[in-house]
Amino acid sequence: MGNTDRPPVPLLGESRTVRLCDRTIGKENGQEIACGKPAVVHIAWYFNPCVASFSCPEHATKALNKWSYFQVHLVGPDCGMPGAVWDGDEERCLYPGEELPVRDTVEEFVHG
């Protein structure tokens, strides 16, 4: 028995709850090694087509102060989910049809 006043559950995709920093920090046996720490920001380097990465605090601060990027937002529930898109107008990831506004900023985090 459940609460029928609530909408059905969203598509959940992979069973990851934490997005990990994908910054390459070295190589081992010819394979790139990613940082792997919990990510706090999602960075779009290019928009069309979208090329994005997840970054931990250390790598986000370094990258955003050194490189050009299209947009950046705090990691949210739709980031990296199957079917989610980067909405350039809203400056965040969203699942098509979603109408919940989320307007977090990373300015204080990056330049704080």
C-alpha atoms as a PDB file:
ATOM      1  CA  MET A   1       0.000   0.000   0.000  1.00  0.00           C
ATOM      2  CA  GLY A   2       1.418   3.380  -0.940  1.00  0.00           C
ATOM      3  CA  ASN A   3       0.552   7.010  -1.215  1.00  0.00           C
ATOM      4  CA  THR A   4      -1.498   7.338  -4.402  1.00  0.00           C
ATOM      5  CA  ASP A   5      -1.347  11.152  -4.231  1.00  0.00           C
ATOM      6  CA  ARG A   6       2.300  11.064  -5.331  1.00  0.00           C
ATOM      7  CA  PRO A   7       3.509  10.731  -8.909  1.00  0.00           C
ATOM      8  CA  PRO A   8       5.061   7.440 -10.040  1.00  0.00           C
ATOM      9  CA  VAL A   9       8.796   7.012  -9.498  1.00  0.00           C
ATOM     10  CA  PRO A  10      11.164   8.431 -12.151  1.00  0.00           C
ATOM     11  CA  LEU A  11      13.469   6.372 -14.340  1.00  0.00           C
ATOM     12  CA  LEU A  12      16.331   5.567 -12.028  1.00  0.00           C
ATOM     13  CA  GLY A  13      19.004   4.409 -14.448  1.00  0.00           C
ATOM     14  CA  GLU A  14      22.133   2.933 -12.932  1.00  0.00           C
ATOM     15  CA  SER A  15      22.076   2.359  -9.195  1.00  0.00           C
ATOM     16  CA  ARG A  16      24.706   5.014  -8.461  1.00  0.00           C
ATOM     17  CA  THR A  17      23.767   7.659  -5.947  1.00  0.00           C
ATOM     18  CA  VAL A  18      27.092   9.512  -6.010  1.00  0.00           C
ATOM     19  CA  ARG A  19      28.633  10.911  -9.176  1.00  0.00           C
ATOM     20  CA  LEU A  20      32.403  10.585  -9.201  1.00  0.00           C
ATOM     21  CA  CYS A  21      35.117  12.962 -10.382  1.00  0.00           C
ATOM     22  CA  ASP A  22      36.259  11.787 -13.797  1.00  0.00           C
ATOM     23  CA  ARG A  23      39.432  13.912 -13.980  1.00  0.00           C
ATOM     24  CA  THR A  24      42.318  11.818 -15.290  1.00  0.00           C
ATOM     25  CA  ILE A  25      45.084  11.762 -12.676  1.00  0.00           C
ATOM     26  CA  GLY A  26      47.454   9.245 -14.241  1.00  0.00           C
ATOM     27  CA  LYS A  27      47.854   6.010 -16.148  1.00  0.00           C
ATOM     28  CA  GLU A  28      48.394   2.442 -15.079  1.00  0.00           C
ATOM     29  CA  ASN A  29      49.077  -0.373 -17.524  1.00  0.00           C
ATOM     30  CA  GLY A  30      48.110   1.945 -20.383  1.00  0.00           C
ATOM     31  CA  GLN A  31      44.697   2.732 -18.837  1.00  0.00           C
ATOM     32  CA  GLU A  32      43.695   6.186 -17.638  1.00  0.00           C
ATOM     33  CA  ILE A  33      42.985   6.460 -13.917  1.00  0.00           C
ATOM     34  CA  ALA A  34      40.174   8.803 -12.845  1.00  0.00           C
ATOM     35  CA  CYS A  35      40.208  10.711  -9.557  1.00  0.00           C
ATOM     36  CA  GLY A  36      37.103   8.894  -8.267  1.00  0.00           C
ATOM     37  CA  LYS A  37      36.286  11.263  -5.397  1.00  0.00           C
ATOM     38  CA  PRO A  38      32.640  12.353  -5.019  1.00  0.00           C
ATOM     39  CA  ALA A  39      31.781  15.042  -7.568  1.00  0.00           C
ATOM     40  CA  VAL A  40      30.218  18.344  -6.524  1.00  0.00           C
ATOM     41  CA  VAL A  41      29.928  20.098  -9.889  1.00  0.00           C
ATOM     42  CA  HIS A  42      28.929  19.142 -13.414  1.00  0.00           C
ATOM     43  CA  ILE A  43      30.827  21.070 -16.100  1.00  0.00           C
ATOM     44  CA  ALA A  44      29.764  21.438 -19.741  1.00  0.00           C
ATOM     45  CA  TRP A  45      32.874  22.179 -21.760  1.00  0.00           C
ATOM     46  CA  TYR A  46      30.978  22.376 -25.040  1.00  0.00           C
ATOM     47  CA  PHE A  47      27.251  22.474 -25.659  1.00  0.00           C
ATOM     48  CA  ASN A  48      26.400  21.245 -29.152  1.00  0.00           C
ATOM     49  CA  PRO A  49      27.182  18.414 -28.898  1.00  0.00           C
ATOM     50  CA  CYS A  50      27.364  18.483 -25.118  1.00  0.00           C
ATOM     51  CA  VAL A  51      30.707  17.385 -23.700  1.00  0.00           C
ATOM     52  CA  ALA A  52      30.583  17.380 -19.905  1.00  0.00           C
ATOM     53  CA  SER A  53      32.435  16.045 -16.888  1.00  0.00           C
ATOM     54  CA  PHE A  54      31.979  15.639 -13.149  1.00  0.00           C
ATOM     55  CA  SER A  55      34.497  17.176 -10.741  1.00  0.00           C
ATOM     56  CA  CYS A  56      35.387  16.941  -7.064  1.00  0.00           C
ATOM     57  CA  PRO A  57      36.061  20.228  -5.181  1.00  0.00           C
ATOM     58  CA  GLU A  58      39.821  20.132  -5.793  1.00  0.00           C
ATOM     59  CA  HIS A  59      39.651  19.438  -9.521  1.00  0.00           C
ATOM     60  CA  ALA A  60      36.647  21.743 -10.087  1.00  0.00           C
ATOM     61  CA  THR A  61      38.423  24.716  -8.549  1.00  0.00           C
ATOM     62  CA  LYS A  62      41.550  24.103 -10.627  1.00  0.00           C
ATOM     63  CA  ALA A  63      39.677  23.445 -13.875  1.00  0.00           C
ATOM     64  CA  LEU A  64      37.193  26.320 -13.651  1.00  0.00           C
ATOM     65  CA  ASN A  65      39.907  28.828 -12.847  1.00  0.00           C
ATOM     66  CA  LYS A  66      42.172  27.595 -15.672  1.00  0.00           C
ATOM     67  CA  TRP A  67      39.992  26.516 -18.617  1.00  0.00           C
ATOM     68  CA  SER A  68      37.121  27.937 -20.669  1.00  0.00           C
ATOM     69  CA  TYR A  69      33.772  26.204 -20.203  1.00  0.00           C
ATOM     70  CA  PHE A  70      30.202  26.618 -21.442  1.00  0.00           C
ATOM     71  CA  GLN A  71      28.264  26.218 -18.179  1.00  0.00           C
ATOM     72  CA  VAL A  72      28.579  24.657 -14.746  1.00  0.00           C
ATOM     73  CA  HIS A  73      26.110  23.682 -12.034  1.00  0.00           C
ATOM     74  CA  LEU A  74      26.102  21.770  -8.769  1.00  0.00           C
ATOM     75  CA  VAL A  75      25.561  18.037  -9.236  1.00  0.00           C
ATOM     76  CA  GLY A  76      21.845  17.346  -9.081  1.00  0.00           C
ATOM     77  CA  PRO A  77      19.594  14.310  -9.211  1.00  0.00           C
ATOM     78  CA  ASP A  78      19.273  14.352 -13.019  1.00  0.00           C
ATOM     79  CA  CYS A  79      22.977  14.692 -13.807  1.00  0.00           C
ATOM     80  CA  GLY A  80      24.182  11.660 -15.710  1.00  0.00           C
ATOM     81  CA  MET A  81      20.803   9.914 -15.658  1.00  0.00           C
ATOM     82  CA  PRO A  82      19.755   8.031 -18.804  1.00  0.00           C
ATOM     83  CA  GLY A  83      17.622  10.358 -20.929  1.00  0.00           C
ATOM     84  CA  ALA A  84      18.588  13.524 -19.038  1.00  0.00           C
ATOM     85  CA  VAL A  85      19.684  16.532 -21.079  1.00  0.00           C
ATOM     86  CA  TRP A  86      21.726  19.637 -20.366  1.00  0.00           C
ATOM     87  CA  ASP A  87      19.323  22.568 -20.611  1.00  0.00           C
ATOM     88  CA  GLY A  88      21.367  25.579 -21.715  1.00  0.00           C
ATOM     89  CA  ASP A  89      18.584  28.024 -20.813  1.00  0.00           C
ATOM     90  CA  GLU A  90      18.120  26.648 -17.298  1.00  0.00           C
ATOM     91  CA  GLU A  91      21.875  25.983 -16.956  1.00  0.00           C
ATOM     92  CA  ARG A  92      21.355  22.541 -15.449  1.00  0.00           C
ATOM     93  CA  CYS A  93      20.563  18.950 -16.271  1.00  0.00           C
ATOM     94  CA  LEU A  94      16.948  17.943 -16.387  1.00  0.00           C
ATOM     95  CA  TYR A  95      14.798  15.062 -17.391  1.00  0.00           C
ATOM     96  CA  PRO A  96      12.537  16.007 -20.320  1.00  0.00           C
ATOM     97  CA  GLY A  97       9.103  17.003 -19.032  1.00  0.00           C
ATOM     98  CA  GLU A  98      10.405  17.995 -15.597  1.00  0.00           C
ATOM     99  CA  GLU A  99       9.201  21.375 -14.387  1.00  0.00           C
ATOM    100  CA  LEU A 100      10.896  21.797 -11.009  1.00  0.00           C
ATOM    101  CA  PRO A 101      13.168  24.862 -11.082  1.00  0.00           C
ATOM    102  CA  VAL A 102      16.578  24.333  -9.510  1.00  0.00           C
ATOM    103  CA  ARG A 103      18.836  27.376  -9.636  1.00  0.00           C
ATOM    104  CA  ASP A 104      21.965  26.559  -7.637  1.00  0.00           C
ATOM    105  CA  THR A 105      25.126  28.548  -8.208  1.00  0.00           C
ATOM    106  CA  VAL A 106      28.756  27.539  -8.014  1.00  0.00           C
ATOM    107  CA  GLU A 107      30.236  31.038  -8.047  1.00  0.00           C
ATOM    108  CA  GLU A 108      30.801  31.092  -4.287  1.00  0.00           C
ATOM    109  CA  PHE A 109      32.226  27.566  -4.381  1.00  0.00           C
ATOM    110  CA  VAL A 110      34.646  28.272  -7.224  1.00  0.00           C
ATOM    111  CA  HIS A 111      35.703  31.797  -6.366  1.00  0.00           C
ATOM    112  CA  GLY A 112      34.789  31.759  -2.654  1.00  0.00           C
END
